Amino acid sequence: MITIYHLRFLLTMDIEHALRVIIIDVLTILAVLEIFKTTLAYFSEGRVKVTYIVDTVIVVMLTEIMACWFKEFDIYKMGAMAFLILALCIMRVFAVKYSPGVKHL
């Protein structure tokens, strides 16, 4: 709802600032959707898949990187967050590859 409200910024503010706000809003919506997906998986399967949790954290971290990129640009902080996202992506690959439901060769 707030994203739709922020669309008015396209008409009243400069395009760069308006797009920054909208990008952060959309990434926040994606993070909330990932949380709902994780909750739904828990209630339907009785357990939470690691991939859902890692996906949620990756989306939240991407949102934080975009917010920091637009507000303050500290190269060390951005590098640390990028390294964390890379580690989470590797963790997600291993979680899918070595899932309990998958037979290993």
C-alpha atoms as a PDB file:
ATOM      1  CA  MET A   1       0.000   0.000   0.000  1.00  0.00           C
ATOM      2  CA  ILE A   2       2.796   2.408   0.866  1.00  0.00           C
ATOM      3  CA  THR A   3       4.461   1.694  -2.477  1.00  0.00           C
ATOM      4  CA  ILE A   4       1.343   2.807  -4.314  1.00  0.00           C
ATOM      5  CA  TYR A   5       1.295   5.906  -2.135  1.00  0.00           C
ATOM      6  CA  HIS A   6       4.950   6.576  -2.976  1.00  0.00           C
ATOM      7  CA  LEU A   7       4.183   6.456  -6.696  1.00  0.00           C
ATOM      8  CA  ARG A   8       3.006  10.048  -6.343  1.00  0.00           C
ATOM      9  CA  PHE A   9       6.669  10.969  -5.874  1.00  0.00           C
ATOM     10  CA  LEU A  10       7.140  10.332  -9.599  1.00  0.00           C
ATOM     11  CA  LEU A  11       5.021  13.406 -10.283  1.00  0.00           C
ATOM     12  CA  THR A  12       6.123  15.668  -7.435  1.00  0.00           C
ATOM     13  CA  MET A  13       9.851  14.954  -6.925  1.00  0.00           C
ATOM     14  CA  ASP A  14      12.838  14.468  -9.139  1.00  0.00           C
ATOM     15  CA  ILE A  15      12.833  11.092 -10.846  1.00  0.00           C
ATOM     16  CA  GLU A  16      16.035   9.859  -9.185  1.00  0.00           C
ATOM     17  CA  HIS A  17      14.753  10.296  -5.633  1.00  0.00           C
ATOM     18  CA  ALA A  18      11.347   8.864  -6.499  1.00  0.00           C
ATOM     19  CA  LEU A  19      12.847   5.738  -8.051  1.00  0.00           C
ATOM     20  CA  ARG A  20      15.100   5.242  -5.026  1.00  0.00           C
ATOM     21  CA  VAL A  21      12.104   5.239  -2.695  1.00  0.00           C
ATOM     22  CA  ILE A  22      10.115   2.908  -4.961  1.00  0.00           C
ATOM     23  CA  ILE A  23      13.003   0.420  -5.355  1.00  0.00           C
ATOM     24  CA  ILE A  24      13.441   0.170  -1.584  1.00  0.00           C
ATOM     25  CA  ASP A  25       9.671  -0.258  -1.146  1.00  0.00           C
ATOM     26  CA  VAL A  26       9.531  -3.059  -3.711  1.00  0.00           C
ATOM     27  CA  LEU A  27      12.450  -4.889  -2.090  1.00  0.00           C
ATOM     28  CA  THR A  28      10.738  -4.551   1.284  1.00  0.00           C
ATOM     29  CA  ILE A  29       7.574  -6.075  -0.186  1.00  0.00           C
ATOM     30  CA  LEU A  30       9.638  -8.983  -1.521  1.00  0.00           C
ATOM     31  CA  ALA A  31      11.122  -9.543   1.937  1.00  0.00           C
ATOM     32  CA  VAL A  32       7.656  -9.611   3.494  1.00  0.00           C
ATOM     33  CA  LEU A  33       6.465 -12.074   0.836  1.00  0.00           C
ATOM     34  CA  GLU A  34       9.416 -14.352   1.607  1.00  0.00           C
ATOM     35  CA  ILE A  35       8.498 -14.259   5.296  1.00  0.00           C
ATOM     36  CA  PHE A  36       4.907 -15.218   4.456  1.00  0.00           C
ATOM     37  CA  LYS A  37       6.153 -18.040   2.240  1.00  0.00           C
ATOM     38  CA  THR A  38       8.314 -19.356   5.085  1.00  0.00           C
ATOM     39  CA  THR A  39       5.399 -19.176   7.526  1.00  0.00           C
ATOM     40  CA  LEU A  40       3.087 -20.951   5.094  1.00  0.00           C
ATOM     41  CA  ALA A  41       5.658 -23.705   4.556  1.00  0.00           C
ATOM     42  CA  TYR A  42       5.942 -24.189   8.308  1.00  0.00           C
ATOM     43  CA  PHE A  43       2.200 -24.545   8.787  1.00  0.00           C
ATOM     44  CA  SER A  44       1.734 -26.852   5.793  1.00  0.00           C
ATOM     45  CA  GLU A  45       4.811 -29.087   6.221  1.00  0.00           C
ATOM     46  CA  GLY A  46       5.513 -28.768   9.931  1.00  0.00           C
ATOM     47  CA  ARG A  47       9.084 -27.671   9.274  1.00  0.00           C
ATOM     48  CA  VAL A  48      10.858 -24.759   7.679  1.00  0.00           C
ATOM     49  CA  LYS A  49      13.128 -25.303   4.726  1.00  0.00           C
ATOM     50  CA  VAL A  50      16.542 -23.680   5.018  1.00  0.00           C
ATOM     51  CA  THR A  51      16.236 -22.332   1.490  1.00  0.00           C
ATOM     52  CA  TYR A  52      13.216 -20.229   2.476  1.00  0.00           C
ATOM     53  CA  ILE A  53      15.091 -18.698   5.390  1.00  0.00           C
ATOM     54  CA  VAL A  54      18.182 -18.015   3.290  1.00  0.00           C
ATOM     55  CA  ASP A  55      16.045 -16.478   0.522  1.00  0.00           C
ATOM     56  CA  THR A  56      14.421 -14.163   3.060  1.00  0.00           C
ATOM     57  CA  VAL A  57      17.767 -13.056   4.460  1.00  0.00           C
ATOM     58  CA  ILE A  58      19.186 -12.488   0.958  1.00  0.00           C
ATOM     59  CA  VAL A  59      16.254 -10.257   0.016  1.00  0.00           C
ATOM     60  CA  VAL A  60      16.548  -8.304   3.276  1.00  0.00           C
ATOM     61  CA  MET A  61      20.294  -7.860   2.772  1.00  0.00           C
ATOM     62  CA  LEU A  62      19.743  -6.650  -0.794  1.00  0.00           C
ATOM     63  CA  THR A  63      17.274  -4.121   0.576  1.00  0.00           C
ATOM     64  CA  GLU A  64      19.858  -2.944   3.092  1.00  0.00           C
ATOM     65  CA  ILE A  65      22.510  -2.619   0.393  1.00  0.00           C
ATOM     66  CA  MET A  66      20.186  -0.541  -1.766  1.00  0.00           C
ATOM     67  CA  ALA A  67      19.263   1.664   1.199  1.00  0.00           C
ATOM     68  CA  CYS A  68      22.921   2.201   2.133  1.00  0.00           C
ATOM     69  CA  TRP A  69      23.859   2.828  -1.481  1.00  0.00           C
ATOM     70  CA  PHE A  70      21.290   5.595  -1.757  1.00  0.00           C
ATOM     71  CA  LYS A  71      21.913   7.188   1.662  1.00  0.00           C
ATOM     72  CA  GLU A  72      25.556   6.780   2.624  1.00  0.00           C
ATOM     73  CA  PHE A  73      28.218   5.042   0.635  1.00  0.00           C
ATOM     74  CA  ASP A  74      30.747   3.354   2.894  1.00  0.00           C
ATOM     75  CA  ILE A  75      32.831   1.019   0.745  1.00  0.00           C
ATOM     76  CA  TYR A  76      33.777  -1.252   3.658  1.00  0.00           C
ATOM     77  CA  LYS A  77      30.197  -1.658   4.833  1.00  0.00           C
ATOM     78  CA  MET A  78      29.045  -2.382   1.276  1.00  0.00           C
ATOM     79  CA  GLY A  79      31.867  -4.887   0.820  1.00  0.00           C
ATOM     80  CA  ALA A  80      30.965  -6.688   4.039  1.00  0.00           C
ATOM     81  CA  MET A  81      27.304  -6.899   3.014  1.00  0.00           C
ATOM     82  CA  ALA A  82      28.232  -8.120  -0.467  1.00  0.00           C
ATOM     83  CA  PHE A  83      30.464 -10.803   1.081  1.00  0.00           C
ATOM     84  CA  LEU A  84      27.600 -11.850   3.359  1.00  0.00           C
ATOM     85  CA  ILE A  85      25.225 -12.147   0.395  1.00  0.00           C
ATOM     86  CA  LEU A  86      27.805 -14.219  -1.489  1.00  0.00           C
ATOM     87  CA  ALA A  87      28.155 -16.547   1.525  1.00  0.00           C
ATOM     88  CA  LEU A  88      24.359 -16.846   1.765  1.00  0.00           C
ATOM     89  CA  CYS A  89      24.097 -17.688  -1.934  1.00  0.00           C
ATOM     90  CA  ILE A  90      26.704 -20.432  -1.529  1.00  0.00           C
ATOM     91  CA  MET A  91      24.832 -21.684   1.528  1.00  0.00           C
ATOM     92  CA  ARG A  92      21.607 -21.788  -0.468  1.00  0.00           C
ATOM     93  CA  VAL A  93      23.230 -23.826  -3.238  1.00  0.00           C
ATOM     94  CA  PHE A  94      24.464 -26.383  -0.694  1.00  0.00           C
ATOM     95  CA  ALA A  95      21.074 -26.435   1.037  1.00  0.00           C
ATOM     96  CA  VAL A  96      19.382 -27.334  -2.246  1.00  0.00           C
ATOM     97  CA  LYS A  97      22.051 -29.821  -3.275  1.00  0.00           C
ATOM     98  CA  TYR A  98      22.126 -31.657   0.067  1.00  0.00           C
ATOM     99  CA  SER A  99      18.431 -31.409   0.922  1.00  0.00           C
ATOM    100  CA  PRO A 100      17.075 -34.292   3.060  1.00  0.00           C
ATOM    101  CA  GLY A 101      14.517 -35.129   0.371  1.00  0.00           C
ATOM    102  CA  VAL A 102      17.122 -35.484  -2.390  1.00  0.00           C
ATOM    103  CA  LYS A 103      19.027 -38.720  -2.961  1.00  0.00           C
ATOM    104  CA  HIS A 104      22.789 -38.125  -3.152  1.00  0.00           C
ATOM    105  CA  LEU A 105      24.932 -39.956  -5.656  1.00  0.00           C
END
